[in-house]
Amino acid sequence: MKVLTMHVAGALAMLSIGLVAVASARYARAQAAHSDVTAKAIRIATDCAELQRLQSTAPTAYLGEPPEEMVVTSIRQTLRTAGLPPRSWNVIDTDGGQAERRRDSRSNVTTRTVRLDLKAITPAQLGAFLFEWSLAEPLWTPTSINMAADTRSPGLYNVQLALKARYVDQSLRQENING
């Protein structure tokens, strides 16, 4: 009986050691996974803080209304840079056309929208234009893109693009100073 008790005690000791080893291995894996997740969370928090810092330093509006010639010239230049042929853009609605202006009643900030029609272009050309535009005119943001297949040219699209910019209306600023 004494021998049997010693064998059972030895088996229980071996089983305990085995369970401790398995638990230790699982703990080590969990610790490594926790360290990875913690490092990722720190990187994400750092990236978010950097993004916020950069956003706070970037201009958000023009001081004064952007001149129509500047917008048209910038569109032409961006089309060239993006590799689109001059015939690809058809209509720009600016102040003389259907341009929209919306003023925030609490401030002197006004929003101006310019509509642009791009004819018979590929999705890749649209992407190239939008990329080049974001570099050339970061204050003008695309607010809507409507694509329709060009019925005369398979694989090409007609695109209506709305670009919006915010600016501080100097005339309103002057009224507030004088008023």
Protein backbone atom coordinates (compact mmCIF):
# COMPACT_ATOMS: atom_id res chain seq x y z
CA MET A 1 0.00 0.00 0.00
CA LYS A 2 2.87 2.25 0.79
CA VAL A 3 4.36 1.60 -2.65
CA LEU A 4 1.00 2.31 -4.32
CA THR A 5 0.67 5.57 -2.41
CA MET A 6 4.18 6.56 -3.49
CA HIS A 7 3.34 5.76 -7.13
CA VAL A 8 0.13 7.78 -6.93
CA ALA A 9 1.94 10.64 -5.25
CA GLY A 10 4.66 10.51 -7.91
CA ALA A 11 2.06 10.44 -10.69
CA LEU A 12 0.25 13.40 -9.15
CA ALA A 13 3.52 15.28 -8.85
CA MET A 14 4.34 14.57 -12.52
CA LEU A 15 0.81 15.62 -13.53
CA SER A 16 1.16 18.83 -11.53
CA ILE A 17 4.50 19.59 -13.17
CA GLY A 18 2.97 18.93 -16.60
CA LEU A 19 0.01 21.22 -15.87
CA VAL A 20 2.34 23.95 -14.64
CA ALA A 21 4.43 23.62 -17.81
CA VAL A 22 1.34 23.85 -20.06
CA ALA A 23 0.04 26.83 -18.09
CA SER A 24 3.46 28.50 -18.29
CA ALA A 25 3.58 28.06 -22.06
CA ARG A 26 0.07 29.49 -22.44
CA TYR A 27 0.95 32.38 -20.17
CA ALA A 28 4.07 33.14 -22.24
CA ARG A 29 2.02 33.16 -25.48
CA ALA A 30 -0.64 35.40 -23.90
CA GLN A 31 2.07 37.73 -22.59
CA ALA A 32 3.63 37.98 -26.07
CA ALA A 33 0.22 38.65 -27.67
CA HIS A 34 -0.48 41.31 -25.04
CA SER A 35 2.87 42.96 -25.75
CA ASP A 36 2.11 43.00 -29.50
CA VAL A 37 -1.32 44.53 -28.96
CA THR A 38 0.09 47.10 -26.55
CA ALA A 39 2.81 48.09 -29.04
CA LYS A 40 0.21 48.44 -31.83
CA ALA A 41 -2.03 50.56 -29.59
CA ILE A 42 0.91 52.84 -28.77
CA ARG A 43 1.77 53.20 -32.50
CA ILE A 44 -1.86 53.99 -33.35
CA ALA A 45 -2.09 56.57 -30.56
CA THR A 46 1.17 58.15 -31.72
CA ASP A 47 -0.04 58.23 -35.35
CA CYS A 48 -3.37 59.79 -34.27
CA ALA A 49 -1.59 62.44 -32.25
CA GLU A 50 0.65 63.24 -35.23
CA LEU A 51 -2.38 63.45 -37.52
CA GLN A 52 -4.11 65.84 -35.15
CA ARG A 53 -0.98 67.95 -34.91
CA LEU A 54 -0.67 68.12 -38.69
CA GLN A 55 -4.36 68.90 -39.16
CA SER A 56 -4.14 71.76 -36.72
CA THR A 57 -1.29 73.33 -38.69
CA ALA A 58 -2.90 72.94 -42.13
CA PRO A 59 -4.91 75.85 -43.48
CA THR A 60 -8.64 75.17 -43.71
CA ALA A 61 -9.82 78.19 -45.70
CA TYR A 62 -8.63 80.86 -48.08
CA LEU A 63 -8.41 84.43 -46.85
CA GLY A 64 -10.68 86.08 -49.37
CA GLU A 65 -12.53 84.43 -52.22
CA PRO A 66 -10.29 82.49 -54.60
CA PRO A 67 -10.31 84.27 -57.98
CA GLU A 68 -12.15 82.44 -60.76
CA GLU A 69 -9.07 82.58 -63.01
CA MET A 70 -7.01 80.84 -60.33
CA VAL A 71 -9.50 77.96 -60.11
CA VAL A 72 -9.72 77.54 -63.90
CA THR A 73 -5.94 77.74 -64.31
CA SER A 74 -5.40 75.23 -61.53
CA ILE A 75 -7.90 72.81 -63.09
CA ARG A 76 -6.18 73.08 -66.48
CA GLN A 77 -2.75 72.54 -64.94
CA THR A 78 -3.94 69.57 -62.88
CA LEU A 79 -5.55 67.98 -65.94
CA ARG A 80 -2.24 68.33 -67.79
CA THR A 81 -0.24 66.96 -64.86
CA ALA A 82 -2.62 64.00 -64.54
CA GLY A 83 -2.21 63.25 -68.25
CA LEU A 84 -5.76 64.03 -69.33
CA PRO A 85 -6.22 65.57 -72.77
CA PRO A 86 -7.56 69.15 -72.87
CA ARG A 87 -10.70 67.94 -74.66
CA SER A 88 -11.65 65.81 -71.64
CA TRP A 89 -13.11 68.63 -69.60
CA ASN A 90 -16.17 70.34 -70.82
CA VAL A 91 -17.89 72.70 -68.42
CA ILE A 92 -16.92 74.57 -65.32
CA ASP A 93 -19.67 76.30 -63.40
CA THR A 94 -18.12 79.16 -61.51
CA ASP A 95 -19.59 82.44 -60.30
CA GLY A 96 -21.03 83.22 -63.72
CA GLY A 97 -22.79 79.84 -63.87
CA GLN A 98 -24.27 77.58 -61.26
CA ALA A 99 -21.64 78.07 -58.57
CA GLU A 100 -23.04 77.74 -55.09
CA ARG A 101 -22.13 79.87 -52.14
CA ARG A 102 -23.22 79.15 -48.63
CA ARG A 103 -22.30 81.34 -45.71
CA ASP A 104 -22.07 80.19 -42.13
CA SER A 105 -24.25 82.70 -40.28
CA ARG A 106 -22.01 82.58 -37.20
CA SER A 107 -18.81 83.50 -39.01
CA ASN A 108 -17.36 85.05 -42.14
CA VAL A 109 -16.61 81.65 -43.63
CA THR A 110 -18.28 81.02 -46.98
CA THR A 111 -18.28 77.83 -49.00
CA ARG A 112 -17.88 77.97 -52.75
CA THR A 113 -18.63 75.01 -55.03
CA VAL A 114 -17.33 74.58 -58.56
CA ARG A 115 -18.77 71.88 -60.81
CA LEU A 116 -16.60 70.24 -63.42
CA ASP A 117 -17.59 67.81 -66.19
CA LEU A 118 -14.94 65.39 -67.38
CA LYS A 119 -15.80 63.59 -70.62
CA ALA A 120 -14.71 60.16 -71.84
CA ILE A 121 -12.11 59.32 -69.19
CA THR A 122 -11.07 56.10 -67.49
CA PRO A 123 -11.38 55.49 -63.75
CA ALA A 124 -7.57 55.53 -63.59
CA GLN A 125 -7.51 58.99 -65.19
CA LEU A 126 -10.08 60.20 -62.66
CA GLY A 127 -7.92 58.80 -59.87
CA ALA A 128 -4.84 60.51 -61.30
CA PHE A 129 -6.71 63.83 -61.53
CA LEU A 130 -8.01 63.57 -57.94
CA PHE A 131 -4.54 62.68 -56.65
CA GLU A 132 -2.87 65.58 -58.47
CA TRP A 133 -5.70 67.91 -57.39
CA SER A 134 -5.23 66.98 -53.72
CA LEU A 135 -1.56 67.92 -54.03
CA ALA A 136 -2.10 71.14 -56.00
CA GLU A 137 -5.23 72.43 -54.25
CA PRO A 138 -5.65 70.85 -50.80
CA LEU A 139 -8.25 73.45 -49.79
CA TRP A 140 -10.54 72.41 -52.67
CA THR A 141 -12.08 69.07 -51.70
CA PRO A 142 -14.23 66.85 -53.90
CA THR A 143 -17.73 66.66 -52.43
CA SER A 144 -19.49 64.57 -55.07
CA ILE A 145 -18.51 62.38 -57.97
CA ASN A 146 -21.09 61.05 -60.44
CA MET A 147 -19.86 58.60 -63.07
CA ALA A 148 -21.85 57.40 -66.06
CA ALA A 149 -20.64 55.07 -68.80
CA ASP A 150 -19.90 56.91 -72.05
CA THR A 151 -22.32 55.39 -74.55
CA ARG A 152 -19.97 56.04 -77.48
CA SER A 153 -16.79 54.68 -75.93
CA PRO A 154 -16.76 51.39 -73.99
CA GLY A 155 -14.59 51.54 -70.89
CA LEU A 156 -14.79 55.35 -70.68
CA TYR A 157 -16.93 57.41 -68.36
CA ASN A 158 -18.41 60.87 -68.15
CA VAL A 159 -17.85 62.31 -64.71
CA GLN A 160 -19.51 65.19 -62.93
CA LEU A 161 -17.33 66.40 -60.12
CA ALA A 162 -18.15 68.99 -57.46
CA LEU A 163 -15.23 70.70 -55.73
CA LYS A 164 -15.75 72.79 -52.62
CA ALA A 165 -13.55 75.35 -50.90
CA ARG A 166 -14.06 77.46 -47.82
CA TYR A 167 -12.91 81.05 -47.61
CA VAL A 168 -13.18 83.98 -45.26
CA ASP A 169 -15.40 86.53 -46.95
CA GLN A 170 -13.47 89.80 -46.66
CA SER A 171 -16.56 91.90 -47.45
CA LEU A 172 -18.36 90.40 -44.47
CA ARG A 173 -15.29 90.98 -42.34
CA GLN A 174 -15.28 94.65 -43.36
CA GLU A 175 -19.02 94.94 -42.57
CA ASN A 176 -18.41 93.49 -39.11
CA ILE A 177 -15.57 95.94 -38.48
CA ASN A 178 -17.61 98.95 -39.68
CA GLY A 179 -20.95 97.79 -38.24
